PDB file of N, CA and C in Angstrom:
ATOM      1  N   MET A   1      91.749 115.842-161.324  1.00  0.00           N
ATOM      2  CA  MET A   1      93.013 116.156-161.872  1.00  0.00           C
ATOM      3  C   MET A   1      93.747 114.875-162.235  1.00  0.00           C
ATOM      4  N   GLU A   2      94.263 114.725-163.484  1.00  0.00           N
ATOM      5  CA  GLU A   2      95.138 113.620-163.768  1.00  0.00           C
ATOM      6  C   GLU A   2      96.586 113.916-163.900  1.00  0.00           C
ATOM      7  N   LEU A   3      97.292 113.129-163.067  1.00  0.00           N
ATOM      8  CA  LEU A   3      98.798 113.336-163.035  1.00  0.00           C
ATOM      9  C   LEU A   3      99.549 112.276-163.773  1.00  0.00           C
ATOM     10  N   ILE A   4     100.523 112.584-164.421  1.00  0.00           N
ATOM     11  CA  ILE A   4     101.325 111.615-165.192  1.00  0.00           C
ATOM     12  C   ILE A   4     102.221 111.091-164.167  1.00  0.00           C
ATOM     13  N   VAL A   5     102.175 109.717-163.964  1.00  0.00           N
ATOM     14  CA  VAL A   5     102.839 109.078-162.902  1.00  0.00           C
ATOM     15  C   VAL A   5     103.727 107.875-163.544  1.00  0.00           C
ATOM     16  N   THR A   6     104.112 107.984-164.742  1.00  0.00           N
ATOM     17  CA  THR A   6     104.940 106.941-165.351  1.00  0.00           C
ATOM     18  C   THR A   6     106.151 106.699-164.811  1.00  0.00           C
ATOM     19  N   CYS A   7     106.921 107.873-164.368  1.00  0.00           N
ATOM     20  CA  CYS A   7     108.218 107.715-163.798  1.00  0.00           C
ATOM     21  C   CYS A   7     108.095 106.683-162.457  1.00  0.00           C
ATOM     22  N   MET A   8     107.019 106.971-161.735  1.00  0.00           N
ATOM     23  CA  MET A   8     106.871 106.211-160.459  1.00  0.00           C
ATOM     24  C   MET A   8     106.474 104.867-160.759  1.00  0.00           C
ATOM     25  N   PHE A   9     105.778 104.586-161.810  1.00  0.00           N
ATOM     26  CA  PHE A   9     105.363 103.213-162.291  1.00  0.00           C
ATOM     27  C   PHE A   9     106.689 102.509-162.759  1.00  0.00           C
ATOM     28  N   GLU A  10     107.541 103.178-163.315  1.00  0.00           N
ATOM     29  CA  GLU A  10     108.902 102.507-163.746  1.00  0.00           C
ATOM     30  C   GLU A  10     109.773 102.297-162.581  1.00  0.00           C
ATOM     31  N   ASP A  11     109.495 103.012-161.393  1.00  0.00           N
ATOM     32  CA  ASP A  11     110.321 102.782-160.258  1.00  0.00           C
ATOM     33  C   ASP A  11     109.535 101.763-159.278  1.00  0.00           C
ATOM     34  N   ILE A  12     108.598 100.957-159.793  1.00  0.00           N
ATOM     35  CA  ILE A  12     107.811 100.277-158.849  1.00  0.00           C
ATOM     36  C   ILE A  12     108.525  99.562-157.762  1.00  0.00           C
ATOM     37  N   ASP A  13     109.746  99.281-157.937  1.00  0.00           N
ATOM     38  CA  ASP A  13     110.467  98.419-156.711  1.00  0.00           C
ATOM     39  C   ASP A  13     110.738  99.529-155.540  1.00  0.00           C
ATOM     40  N   LEU A  14     110.654 100.747-155.746  1.00  0.00           N
ATOM     41  CA  LEU A  14     110.786 101.747-154.813  1.00  0.00           C
ATOM     42  C   LEU A  14     109.665 101.989-153.933  1.00  0.00           C
ATOM     43  N   MET A  15     108.309 101.560-154.406  1.00  0.00           N
ATOM     44  CA  MET A  15     107.119 102.020-153.831  1.00  0.00           C
ATOM     45  C   MET A  15     107.113 101.618-152.231  1.00  0.00           C
ATOM     46  N   PRO A  16     107.525 100.417-151.904  1.00  0.00           N
ATOM     47  CA  PRO A  16     107.610 100.135-150.417  1.00  0.00           C
ATOM     48  C   PRO A  16     108.375 101.086-149.559  1.00  0.00           C
ATOM     49  N   THR A  17     109.385 101.807-150.165  1.00  0.00           N
ATOM     50  CA  THR A  17     110.108 102.820-149.510  1.00  0.00           C
ATOM     51  C   THR A  17     109.458 104.143-149.339  1.00  0.00           C
ATOM     52  N   LEU A  18     108.304 104.245-150.064  1.00  0.00           N
ATOM     53  CA  LEU A  18     107.592 105.610-150.075  1.00  0.00           C
ATOM     54  C   LEU A  18     106.285 105.355-149.344  1.00  0.00           C
ATOM     55  N   CYS A  19     105.714 104.259-149.155  1.00  0.00           N
ATOM     56  CA  CYS A  19     104.550 103.933-148.560  1.00  0.00           C
ATOM     57  C   CYS A  19     104.446 102.503-147.714  1.00  0.00           C
ATOM     58  N   GLY A  20     105.575 102.076-147.235  1.00  0.00           N
ATOM     59  CA  GLY A  20     105.700 100.900-146.612  1.00  0.00           C
ATOM     60  C   GLY A  20     105.165 100.838-145.161  1.00  0.00           C
ATOM     61  N   SER A  21     104.806  99.704-144.683  1.00  0.00           N
ATOM     62  CA  SER A  21     104.163  99.545-143.360  1.00  0.00           C
ATOM     63  C   SER A  21     105.232  99.262-142.300  1.00  0.00           C
ATOM     64  N   CYS A  22     104.908  99.224-141.039  1.00  0.00           N
ATOM     65  CA  CYS A  22     105.850  98.963-139.989  1.00  0.00           C
ATOM     66  C   CYS A  22     106.200  97.538-140.098  1.00  0.00           C
ATOM     67  N   ALA A  23     105.452  96.616-140.658  1.00  0.00           N
ATOM     68  CA  ALA A  23     105.816  95.268-140.870  1.00  0.00           C
ATOM     69  C   ALA A  23     106.988  95.155-141.826  1.00  0.00           C
ATOM     70  N   GLU A  24     106.966  96.049-142.803  1.00  0.00           N
ATOM     71  CA  GLU A  24     107.972  95.896-143.885  1.00  0.00           C
ATOM     72  C   GLU A  24     109.324  96.735-143.469  1.00  0.00           C
ATOM     73  N   LEU A  25     109.069  97.958-142.680  1.00  0.00           N
ATOM     74  CA  LEU A  25     110.183  98.823-142.595  1.00  0.00           C
ATOM     75  C   LEU A  25     110.445  98.956-141.013  1.00  0.00           C
ATOM     76  N   GLY A  26     109.810  98.346-140.153  1.00  0.00           N
ATOM     77  CA  GLY A  26     109.958  98.479-138.766  1.00  0.00           C
ATOM     78  C   GLY A  26     109.248  99.651-138.065  1.00  0.00           C
ATOM     79  N   PRO A  27     109.516 100.011-136.862  1.00  0.00           N
ATOM     80  CA  PRO A  27     108.645 100.990-135.984  1.00  0.00           C
ATOM     81  C   PRO A  27     108.879 102.444-136.620  1.00  0.00           C
ATOM     82  N   ASP A  28     109.991 102.693-137.344  1.00  0.00           N
ATOM     83  CA  ASP A  28     110.185 104.042-137.840  1.00  0.00           C
ATOM     84  C   ASP A  28     109.528 104.117-139.228  1.00  0.00           C
ATOM     85  N   ALA A  29     108.584 103.364-139.692  1.00  0.00           N
ATOM     86  CA  ALA A  29     108.186 103.287-141.103  1.00  0.00           C
ATOM     87  C   ALA A  29     107.580 104.762-141.382  1.00  0.00           C
ATOM     88  N   GLY A  30     106.974 105.363-140.462  1.00  0.00           N
ATOM     89  CA  GLY A  30     106.245 106.623-140.946  1.00  0.00           C
ATOM     90  C   GLY A  30     107.433 107.661-141.288  1.00  0.00           C
ATOM     91  N   ARG A  31     108.367 107.677-140.250  1.00  0.00           N
ATOM     92  CA  ARG A  31     109.464 108.657-140.526  1.00  0.00           C
ATOM     93  C   ARG A  31     110.184 108.432-141.964  1.00  0.00           C
ATOM     94  N   ILE A  32     110.463 107.127-142.112  1.00  0.00           N
ATOM     95  CA  ILE A  32     111.146 106.628-143.174  1.00  0.00           C
ATOM     96  C   ILE A  32     110.564 106.841-144.494  1.00  0.00           C
ATOM     97  N   THR A  33     109.202 106.630-144.641  1.00  0.00           N
ATOM     98  CA  THR A  33     108.638 106.691-145.821  1.00  0.00           C
ATOM     99  C   THR A  33     108.218 108.246-146.105  1.00  0.00           C
ATOM    100  N   TRP A  34     108.177 108.962-145.043  1.00  0.00           N
ATOM    101  CA  TRP A  34     107.928 110.465-145.296  1.00  0.00           C
ATOM    102  C   TRP A  34     109.220 111.111-145.814  1.00  0.00           C
ATOM    103  N   GLU A  35     110.341 110.749-145.162  1.00  0.00           N
ATOM    104  CA  GLU A  35     111.609 111.249-145.749  1.00  0.00           C
ATOM    105  C   GLU A  35     111.854 110.904-147.127  1.00  0.00           C
ATOM    106  N   ASN A  36     111.660 109.726-147.440  1.00  0.00           N
ATOM    107  CA  ASN A  36     111.791 109.074-148.674  1.00  0.00           C
ATOM    108  C   ASN A  36     110.936 109.688-149.815  1.00  0.00           C
ATOM    109  N   SER A  37     109.730 110.053-149.309  1.00  0.00           N
ATOM    110  CA  SER A  37     108.593 110.636-150.307  1.00  0.00           C
ATOM    111  C   SER A  37     109.046 112.063-150.518  1.00  0.00           C
ATOM    112  N   LYS A  38     109.538 112.785-149.588  1.00  0.00           N
ATOM    113  CA  LYS A  38     109.986 114.165-149.683  1.00  0.00           C
ATOM    114  C   LYS A  38     111.242 114.236-150.722  1.00  0.00           C
ATOM    115  N   ALA A  39     112.103 113.472-150.471  1.00  0.00           N
ATOM    116  CA  ALA A  39     113.272 113.252-151.407  1.00  0.00           C
ATOM    117  C   ALA A  39     112.869 112.815-152.850  1.00  0.00           C
ATOM    118  N   TYR A  40     112.002 111.862-152.887  1.00  0.00           N
ATOM    119  CA  TYR A  40     111.738 111.360-154.247  1.00  0.00           C
ATOM    120  C   TYR A  40     110.798 112.465-154.961  1.00  0.00           C
ATOM    121  N   SER A  41     109.852 113.214-154.289  1.00  0.00           N
ATOM    122  CA  SER A  41     109.107 114.200-154.927  1.00  0.00           C
ATOM    123  C   SER A  41     109.828 115.422-155.342  1.00  0.00           C
ATOM    124  N   LYS A  42     110.915 115.656-154.803  1.00  0.00           N
ATOM    125  CA  LYS A  42     111.928 116.680-155.266  1.00  0.00           C
ATOM    126  C   LYS A  42     112.505 116.295-156.506  1.00  0.00           C
ATOM    127  N   ARG A  43     112.868 114.999-156.669  1.00  0.00           N
ATOM    128  CA  ARG A  43     113.526 114.596-158.018  1.00  0.00           C
ATOM    129  C   ARG A  43     112.343 114.276-159.154  1.00  0.00           C
ATOM    130  N   HIS A  44     111.108 114.072-158.696  1.00  0.00           N
ATOM    131  CA  HIS A  44     110.142 113.708-159.584  1.00  0.00           C
ATOM    132  C   HIS A  44     108.747 114.327-159.066  1.00  0.00           C
ATOM    133  N   PRO A  45     108.622 115.555-159.238  1.00  0.00           N
ATOM    134  CA  PRO A  45     107.403 116.217-158.817  1.00  0.00           C
ATOM    135  C   PRO A  45     106.203 115.954-159.622  1.00  0.00           C
ATOM    136  N   LEU A  46     105.151 115.484-158.963  1.00  0.00           N
ATOM    137  CA  LEU A  46     103.935 115.191-159.697  1.00  0.00           C
ATOM    138  C   LEU A  46     103.018 116.532-159.852  1.00  0.00           C
ATOM    139  N   LEU A  47     103.032 117.284-159.012  1.00  0.00           N
ATOM    140  CA  LEU A  47     102.095 118.636-159.259  1.00  0.00           C
ATOM    141  C   LEU A  47     102.977 119.698-159.728  1.00  0.00           C
ATOM    142  N   LEU A  48     102.627 120.059-160.985  1.00  0.00           N
ATOM    143  CA  LEU A  48     103.437 120.923-161.785  1.00  0.00           C
ATOM    144  C   LEU A  48     103.069 122.475-161.695  1.00  0.00           C
ATOM    145  N   SER A  49     102.078 122.815-160.955  1.00  0.00           N
ATOM    146  CA  SER A  49     101.622 124.156-161.020  1.00  0.00           C
ATOM    147  C   SER A  49     101.069 124.424-159.679  1.00  0.00           C
ATOM    148  N   ARG A  50     100.953 125.774-159.318  1.00  0.00           N
ATOM    149  CA  ARG A  50     100.272 126.224-158.208  1.00  0.00           C
ATOM    150  C   ARG A  50      98.882 125.622-157.998  1.00  0.00           C
ATOM    151  N   ALA A  51      98.194 125.804-159.199  1.00  0.00           N
ATOM    152  CA  ALA A  51      96.798 125.220-159.271  1.00  0.00           C
ATOM    153  C   ALA A  51      96.783 123.755-158.820  1.00  0.00           C
ATOM    154  N   GLU A  52      97.683 123.006-159.345  1.00  0.00           N
ATOM    155  CA  GLU A  52      97.747 121.451-159.090  1.00  0.00           C
ATOM    156  C   GLU A  52      97.971 121.286-157.611  1.00  0.00           C
ATOM    157  N   ILE A  53      98.804 122.059-157.101  1.00  0.00           N
ATOM    158  CA  ILE A  53      99.133 121.977-155.558  1.00  0.00           C
ATOM    159  C   ILE A  53      97.900 122.146-154.687  1.00  0.00           C
ATOM    160  N   GLU A  54      97.216 123.230-155.105  1.00  0.00           N
ATOM    161  CA  GLU A  54      96.008 123.639-154.440  1.00  0.00           C
ATOM    162  C   GLU A  54      94.813 122.584-154.629  1.00  0.00           C
ATOM    163  N   LEU A  55      94.777 121.993-155.881  1.00  0.00           N
ATOM    164  CA  LEU A  55      93.761 120.878-155.989  1.00  0.00           C
ATOM    165  C   LEU A  55      94.210 119.658-155.235  1.00  0.00           C
ATOM    166  N   ALA A  56      95.351 119.458-155.003  1.00  0.00           N
ATOM    167  CA  ALA A  56      95.764 118.405-154.163  1.00  0.00           C
ATOM    168  C   ALA A  56      95.557 118.612-152.658  1.00  0.00           C
ATOM    169  N   ARG A  57      95.515 119.811-152.284  1.00  0.00           N
ATOM    170  CA  ARG A  57      95.190 120.216-150.857  1.00  0.00           C
ATOM    171  C   ARG A  57      93.599 119.802-150.792  1.00  0.00           C
ATOM    172  N   GLU A  58      92.838 120.311-151.703  1.00  0.00           N
ATOM    173  CA  GLU A  58      91.408 119.926-151.572  1.00  0.00           C
ATOM    174  C   GLU A  58      91.286 118.328-151.539  1.00  0.00           C
ATOM    175  N   TYR A  59      91.881 117.761-152.471  1.00  0.00           N
ATOM    176  CA  TYR A  59      91.826 116.295-152.426  1.00  0.00           C
ATOM    177  C   TYR A  59      92.135 115.632-151.246  1.00  0.00           C
ATOM    178  N   PHE A  60      93.180 116.029-150.447  1.00  0.00           N
ATOM    179  CA  PHE A  60      93.518 115.515-149.194  1.00  0.00           C
ATOM    180  C   PHE A  60      92.588 115.965-148.029  1.00  0.00           C
ATOM    181  N   SER A  61      91.946 117.151-148.196  1.00  0.00           N
ATOM    182  CA  SER A  61      91.012 117.598-147.123  1.00  0.00           C
ATOM    183  C   SER A  61      89.775 116.639-147.217  1.00  0.00           C
ATOM    184  N   ASP A  62      89.457 115.964-148.132  1.00  0.00           N
ATOM    185  CA  ASP A  62      88.462 115.004-148.060  1.00  0.00           C
ATOM    186  C   ASP A  62      88.794 113.763-147.255  1.00  0.00           C
ATOM    187  N   TYR A  63      90.005 113.588-146.899  1.00  0.00           N
ATOM    188  CA  TYR A  63      90.342 112.431-146.155  1.00  0.00           C
ATOM    189  C   TYR A  63      89.984 112.499-144.702  1.00  0.00           C
ATOM    190  N   GLY A  64      89.802 113.794-144.262  1.00  0.00           N
ATOM    191  CA  GLY A  64      89.430 113.933-142.807  1.00  0.00           C
ATOM    192  C   GLY A  64      90.656 113.819-141.851  1.00  0.00           C
ATOM    193  N   ALA A  65      91.783 113.602-142.391  1.00  0.00           N
ATOM    194  CA  ALA A  65      93.018 113.433-141.565  1.00  0.00           C
ATOM    195  C   ALA A  65      93.623 114.597-140.967  1.00  0.00           C
ATOM    196  N   TRP A  66      93.296 115.845-141.747  1.00  0.00           N
ATOM    197  CA  TRP A  66      93.842 117.025-141.407  1.00  0.00           C
ATOM    198  C   TRP A  66      92.665 118.042-141.322  1.00  0.00           C
ATOM    199  N   THR A  67      92.783 119.064-140.529  1.00  0.00           N
ATOM    200  CA  THR A  67      91.887 120.258-140.674  1.00  0.00           C
ATOM    201  C   THR A  67      92.306 121.140-141.740  1.00  0.00           C
ATOM    202  N   ASP A  68      91.487 121.946-142.104  1.00  0.00           N
ATOM    203  CA  ASP A  68      91.753 122.946-143.321  1.00  0.00           C
ATOM    204  C   ASP A  68      92.929 123.747-142.897  1.00  0.00           C
ATOM    205  N   GLU A  69      93.074 124.090-141.568  1.00  0.00           N
ATOM    206  CA  GLU A  69      94.261 124.900-141.091  1.00  0.00           C
ATOM    207  C   GLU A  69      95.572 124.176-141.204  1.00  0.00           C
ATOM    208  N   GLN A  70      95.386 122.827-140.863  1.00  0.00           N
ATOM    209  CA  GLN A  70      96.679 122.082-141.023  1.00  0.00           C
ATOM    210  C   GLN A  70      97.077 121.956-142.434  1.00  0.00           C
ATOM    211  N   LEU A  71      96.233 121.556-143.303  1.00  0.00           N
ATOM    212  CA  LEU A  71      96.495 121.528-144.762  1.00  0.00           C
ATOM    213  C   LEU A  71      97.104 122.744-145.260  1.00  0.00           C
ATOM    214  N   ALA A  72      96.338 123.914-144.876  1.00  0.00           N
ATOM    215  CA  ALA A  72      96.915 125.190-145.385  1.00  0.00           C
ATOM    216  C   ALA A  72      98.322 125.573-144.870  1.00  0.00           C
ATOM    217  N   ALA A  73      98.838 125.041-143.619  1.00  0.00           N
ATOM    218  CA  ALA A  73     100.063 125.302-143.148  1.00  0.00           C
ATOM    219  C   ALA A  73     101.145 124.362-143.911  1.00  0.00           C
ATOM    220  N   LEU A  74     100.681 123.246-144.428  1.00  0.00           N
ATOM    221  CA  LEU A  74     101.840 122.256-145.132  1.00  0.00           C
ATOM    222  C   LEU A  74     102.362 123.002-146.441  1.00  0.00           C
ATOM    223  N   SER A  75     103.731 123.024-146.335  1.00  0.00           N
ATOM    224  CA  SER A  75     104.455 123.570-147.460  1.00  0.00           C
ATOM    225  C   SER A  75     104.117 122.789-148.815  1.00  0.00           C
ATOM    226  N   ASP A  76     104.411 123.453-149.929  1.00  0.00           N
ATOM    227  CA  ASP A  76     104.339 122.900-151.165  1.00  0.00           C
ATOM    228  C   ASP A  76     105.058 121.508-151.268  1.00  0.00           C
ATOM    229  N   GLU A  77     106.190 121.577-150.667  1.00  0.00           N
ATOM    230  CA  GLU A  77     107.055 120.260-150.613  1.00  0.00           C
ATOM    231  C   GLU A  77     106.285 119.219-149.794  1.00  0.00           C
ATOM    232  N   ASP A  78     105.556 119.424-148.758  1.00  0.00           N
ATOM    233  CA  ASP A  78     104.879 118.509-148.054  1.00  0.00           C
ATOM    234  C   ASP A  78     103.664 117.948-148.884  1.00  0.00           C
ATOM    235  N   ILE A  79     102.964 118.850-149.686  1.00  0.00           N
ATOM    236  CA  ILE A  79     101.937 118.408-150.493  1.00  0.00           C
ATOM    237  C   ILE A  79     102.409 117.437-151.645  1.00  0.00           C
ATOM    238  N   GLN A  80     103.559 117.797-152.252  1.00  0.00           N
ATOM    239  CA  GLN A  80     104.177 117.016-153.137  1.00  0.00           C
ATOM    240  C   GLN A  80     104.433 115.668-152.428  1.00  0.00           C
ATOM    241  N   ALA A  81     104.851 115.618-151.274  1.00  0.00           N
ATOM    242  CA  ALA A  81     105.342 114.361-150.650  1.00  0.00           C
ATOM    243  C   ALA A  81     104.032 113.393-150.444  1.00  0.00           C
ATOM    244  N   LEU A  82     102.883 114.235-150.004  1.00  0.00           N
ATOM    245  CA  LEU A  82     101.624 113.454-149.784  1.00  0.00           C
ATOM    246  C   LEU A  82     101.051 112.856-151.123  1.00  0.00           C
ATOM    247  N   ALA A  83     101.328 113.611-152.143  1.00  0.00           N
ATOM    248  CA  ALA A  83     100.856 113.053-153.544  1.00  0.00           C
ATOM    249  C   ALA A  83     101.629 111.910-153.848  1.00  0.00           C
ATOM    250  N   THR A  84     102.980 111.900-153.719  1.00  0.00           N
ATOM    251  CA  THR A  84     103.965 110.805-153.980  1.00  0.00           C
ATOM    252  C   THR A  84     103.441 109.679-153.154  1.00  0.00           C
ATOM    253  N   GLN A  85     103.178 109.780-151.842  1.00  0.00           N
ATOM    254  CA  GLN A  85     102.726 108.612-151.047  1.00  0.00           C
ATOM    255  C   GLN A  85     101.444 108.103-151.553  1.00  0.00           C
ATOM    256  N   GLU A  86     100.530 108.943-151.867  1.00  0.00           N
ATOM    257  CA  GLU A  86      99.236 108.450-152.527  1.00  0.00           C
ATOM    258  C   GLU A  86      99.288 107.627-153.720  1.00  0.00           C
ATOM    259  N   VAL A  87     100.147 108.127-154.613  1.00  0.00           N
ATOM    260  CA  VAL A  87     100.386 107.408-155.828  1.00  0.00           C
ATOM    261  C   VAL A  87     101.191 106.064-155.608  1.00  0.00           C
ATOM    262  N   ALA A  88     102.218 106.201-154.695  1.00  0.00           N
ATOM    263  CA  ALA A  88     102.786 105.018-154.361  1.00  0.00           C
ATOM    264  C   ALA A  88     101.944 103.852-153.770  1.00  0.00           C
ATOM    265  N   ALA A  89     100.967 104.245-152.992  1.00  0.00           N
ATOM    266  CA  ALA A  89     100.005 103.331-152.487  1.00  0.00           C
ATOM    267  C   ALA A  89      99.130 102.607-153.639  1.00  0.00           C
ATOM    268  N   GLN A  90      98.735 103.498-154.489  1.00  0.00           N
ATOM    269  CA  GLN A  90      98.005 103.050-155.602  1.00  0.00           C
ATOM    270  C   GLN A  90      98.808 102.106-156.468  1.00  0.00           C
ATOM    271  N   ILE A  91     100.115 102.347-156.679  1.00  0.00           N
ATOM    272  CA  ILE A  91     100.954 101.537-157.536  1.00  0.00           C
ATOM    273  C   ILE A  91     101.115 100.120-156.723  1.00  0.00           C
ATOM    274  N   ARG A  92     101.194 100.118-155.533  1.00  0.00           N
ATOM    275  CA  ARG A  92     101.355  98.941-154.740  1.00  0.00           C
ATOM    276  C   ARG A  92     100.026  98.051-155.046  1.00  0.00           C
ATOM    277  N   ASP A  93      98.953  98.748-155.081  1.00  0.00           N
ATOM    278  CA  ASP A  93      97.585  97.926-155.260  1.00  0.00           C
ATOM    279  C   ASP A  93      97.812  97.268-156.569  1.00  0.00           C
ATOM    280  N   PHE A  94      98.246  98.055-157.501  1.00  0.00           N
ATOM    281  CA  PHE A  94      98.469  97.480-158.968  1.00  0.00           C
ATOM    282  C   PHE A  94      99.365  96.368-158.959  1.00  0.00           C
ATOM    283  N   GLU A  95     100.548  96.612-158.237  1.00  0.00           N
ATOM    284  CA  GLU A  95     101.499  95.522-158.199  1.00  0.00           C
ATOM    285  C   GLU A  95     100.935  94.224-157.623  1.00  0.00           C
ATOM    286  N   GLU A  96     100.150  94.379-156.537  1.00  0.00           N
ATOM    287  CA  GLU A  96      99.547  93.185-155.775  1.00  0.00           C
ATOM    288  C   GLU A  96      98.682  92.475-156.742  1.00  0.00           C
ATOM    289  N   ALA A  97      97.824  93.282-157.645  1.00  0.00           N
ATOM    290  CA  ALA A  97      96.906  92.688-158.620  1.00  0.00           C
ATOM    291  C   ALA A  97      97.626  92.014-159.674  1.00  0.00           C
ATOM    292  N   GLY A  98      98.804  92.481-160.024  1.00  0.00           N
ATOM    293  CA  GLY A  98      99.587  91.767-161.038  1.00  0.00           C
ATOM    294  C   GLY A  98      99.499  92.176-162.484  1.00  0.00           C
ATOM    295  N   ASN A  99      98.435  92.729-162.918  1.00  0.00           N
ATOM    296  CA  ASN A  99      98.314  93.266-164.332  1.00  0.00           C
ATOM    297  C   ASN A  99      97.201  94.213-164.371  1.00  0.00           C
ATOM    298  N   TRP A 100      96.959  94.959-165.488  1.00  0.00           N
ATOM    299  CA  TRP A 100      95.905  95.744-165.567  1.00  0.00           C
ATOM    300  C   TRP A 100      94.518  95.163-165.561  1.00  0.00           C
ATOM    301  N   GLU A 101      94.330  93.961-166.134  1.00  0.00           N
ATOM    302  CA  GLU A 101      92.969  93.454-166.019  1.00  0.00           C
ATOM    303  C   GLU A 101      92.601  93.015-164.568  1.00  0.00           C
ATOM    304  N   ALA A 102      93.560  92.384-163.884  1.00  0.00           N
ATOM    305  CA  ALA A 102      93.364  91.961-162.500  1.00  0.00           C
ATOM    306  C   ALA A 102      93.063  93.392-161.486  1.00  0.00           C
ATOM    307  N   TYR A 103      93.787  94.476-161.833  1.00  0.00           N
ATOM    308  CA  TYR A 103      93.736  95.689-161.226  1.00  0.00           C
ATOM    309  C   TYR A 103      92.304  96.291-161.391  1.00  0.00           C
ATOM    310  N   HIS A 104      91.853  96.225-162.606  1.00  0.00           N
ATOM    311  CA  HIS A 104      90.548  96.667-162.804  1.00  0.00           C
ATOM    312  C   HIS A 104      89.441  95.764-162.234  1.00  0.00           C
ATOM    313  N   GLN A 105      89.622  94.564-162.234  1.00  0.00           N
ATOM    314  CA  GLN A 105      88.713  93.732-161.502  1.00  0.00           C
ATOM    315  C   GLN A 105      88.655  93.912-160.037  1.00  0.00           C
ATOM    316  N   GLN A 106      89.823  94.185-159.312  1.00  0.00           N
ATOM    317  CA  GLN A 106      89.843  94.571-157.927  1.00  0.00           C
ATOM    318  C   GLN A 106      89.093  95.921-157.720  1.00  0.00           C
ATOM    319  N   ILE A 107      89.157  96.826-158.614  1.00  0.00           N
ATOM    320  CA  ILE A 107      88.511  98.181-158.494  1.00  0.00           C
ATOM    321  C   ILE A 107      86.897  97.909-158.471  1.00  0.00           C
ATOM    322  N   GLU A 108      86.442  97.164-159.549  1.00  0.00           N
ATOM    323  CA  GLU A 108      85.106  96.839-159.748  1.00  0.00           C
ATOM    324  C   GLU A 108      84.531  96.116-158.647  1.00  0.00           C
ATOM    325  N   ALA A 109      85.362  95.158-157.968  1.00  0.00           N
ATOM    326  CA  ALA A 109      84.895  94.488-156.722  1.00  0.00           C
ATOM    327  C   ALA A 109      84.897  95.331-155.563  1.00  0.00           C
ATOM    328  N   GLY A 110      85.443  96.486-155.547  1.00  0.00           N
ATOM    329  CA  GLY A 110      85.264  97.374-154.534  1.00  0.00           C
ATOM    330  C   GLY A 110      86.428  96.915-153.386  1.00  0.00           C
ATOM    331  N   ARG A 111      87.487  96.228-153.807  1.00  0.00           N
ATOM    332  CA  ARG A 111      88.508  95.896-152.924  1.00  0.00           C
ATOM    333  C   ARG A 111      89.735  96.917-152.771  1.00  0.00           C
ATOM    334  N   ILE A 112      89.871  97.729-153.986  1.00  0.00           N
ATOM    335  CA  ILE A 112      90.749  98.829-153.821  1.00  0.00           C
ATOM    336  C   ILE A 112      90.083  99.986-154.341  1.00  0.00           C
ATOM    337  N   GLN A 113      90.806 101.084-154.196  1.00  0.00           N
ATOM    338  CA  GLN A 113      90.150 102.529-154.631  1.00  0.00           C
ATOM    339  C   GLN A 113      90.438 102.706-156.152  1.00  0.00           C
ATOM    340  N   GLY A 114      91.583 102.354-156.589  1.00  0.00           N
ATOM    341  CA  GLY A 114      91.909 102.515-158.149  1.00  0.00           C
ATOM    342  C   GLY A 114      92.394 103.821-158.302  1.00  0.00           C
ATOM    343  N   GLY A 115      92.414 104.432-159.651  1.00  0.00           N
ATOM    344  CA  GLY A 115      92.724 105.576-159.833  1.00  0.00           C
ATOM    345  C   GLY A 115      93.935 105.544-160.863  1.00  0.00           C
ATOM    346  N   LEU A 116      94.583 104.522-161.131  1.00  0.00           N
ATOM    347  CA  LEU A 116      95.617 104.531-162.210  1.00  0.00           C
ATOM    348  C   LEU A 116      94.960 104.056-163.477  1.00  0.00           C
ATOM    349  N   PHE A 117      95.502 104.604-164.502  1.00  0.00           N
ATOM    350  CA  PHE A 117      95.144 104.209-165.888  1.00  0.00           C
ATOM    351  C   PHE A 117      96.169 104.543-166.848  1.00  0.00           C
ATOM    352  N   ARG A 118      96.048 103.712-168.084  1.00  0.00           N
ATOM    353  CA  ARG A 118      97.109 103.948-169.156  1.00  0.00           C
ATOM    354  C   ARG A 118      96.542 104.663-170.219  1.00  0.00           C
ATOM    355  N   PHE A 119      97.237 105.466-170.862  1.00  0.00           N
ATOM    356  CA  PHE A 119      96.729 106.114-172.010  1.00  0.00           C
ATOM    357  C   PHE A 119      97.974 106.637-172.790  1.00  0.00           C
ATOM    358  N   GLY A 120      97.997 106.254-174.159  1.00  0.00           N
ATOM    359  CA  GLY A 120      99.061 106.793-175.008  1.00  0.00           C
ATOM    360  C   GLY A 120     100.382 106.597-174.541  1.00  0.00           C
ATOM    361  N   GLY A 121     100.755 105.488-173.903  1.00  0.00           N
ATOM    362  CA  GLY A 121     102.090 105.086-173.526  1.00  0.00           C
ATOM    363  C   GLY A 121     102.497 105.611-172.082  1.00  0.00           C
ATOM    364  N   GLN A 122     101.625 106.394-171.406  1.00  0.00           N
ATOM    365  CA  GLN A 122     101.855 106.869-170.151  1.00  0.00           C
ATOM    366  C   GLN A 122     100.882 106.304-169.155  1.00  0.00           C
ATOM    367  N   VAL A 123     101.367 106.316-167.852  1.00  0.00           N
ATOM    368  CA  VAL A 123     100.515 105.921-166.690  1.00  0.00           C
ATOM    369  C   VAL A 123      99.963 107.247-165.928  1.00  0.00           C
ATOM    370  N   TYR A 124      98.777 107.278-165.791  1.00  0.00           N
ATOM    371  CA  TYR A 124      98.222 108.551-164.996  1.00  0.00           C
ATOM    372  C   TYR A 124      97.504 108.048-163.733  1.00  0.00           C
ATOM    373  N   PHE A 125      97.450 109.011-162.814  1.00  0.00           N
ATOM    374  CA  PHE A 125      96.557 108.817-161.588  1.00  0.00           C
ATOM    375  C   PHE A 125      95.507 109.910-161.596  1.00  0.00           C
ATOM    376  N   ASN A 126      94.322 109.580-161.469  1.00  0.00           N
ATOM    377  CA  ASN A 126      93.262 110.418-161.397  1.00  0.00           C
ATOM    378  C   ASN A 126      93.000 110.890-159.948  1.00  0.00           C
ATOM    379  N   MET A 127      93.473 112.043-159.559  1.00  0.00           N
ATOM    380  CA  MET A 127      93.357 112.479-158.194  1.00  0.00           C
ATOM    381  C   MET A 127      92.164 113.190-157.982  1.00  0.00           C
ATOM    382  N   SER A 128      91.109 112.405-157.842  1.00  0.00           N
ATOM    383  CA  SER A 128      89.709 112.952-157.491  1.00  0.00           C
ATOM    384  C   SER A 128      88.997 111.863-156.761  1.00  0.00           C
ATOM    385  N   HIS A 129      88.022 112.354-156.141  1.00  0.00           N
ATOM    386  CA  HIS A 129      87.114 111.295-155.357  1.00  0.00           C
ATOM    387  C   HIS A 129      85.767 110.958-156.084  1.00  0.00           C
TER     388      HIS A 129
END
């Protein structure tokens, strides 16, 4: 599934507030980034249909961090926030690379997961493994 994430890319300076570390945000980083991601995803939802929300649940199930029951119990709002955090992490990888060419080199070298791409003036995230 391909998500249009141009709005997040334009908000690149906010990405540390959506997926920052304890070193950046202190010991409450998890709570801070979760609350920020929930608020951001309300303003800028990435998943635009029931089908996309369910595909995102499947995507996150491959992480092994949650059981199927735990993922099923998450609200649509929570799935939106998880998607926001996932994309924010990818954008931070891009920012660290510095440009599209370096970003793709990092992907090819196996240093980052990748998933962002440009097409037709938009930035997308390929939410698949």
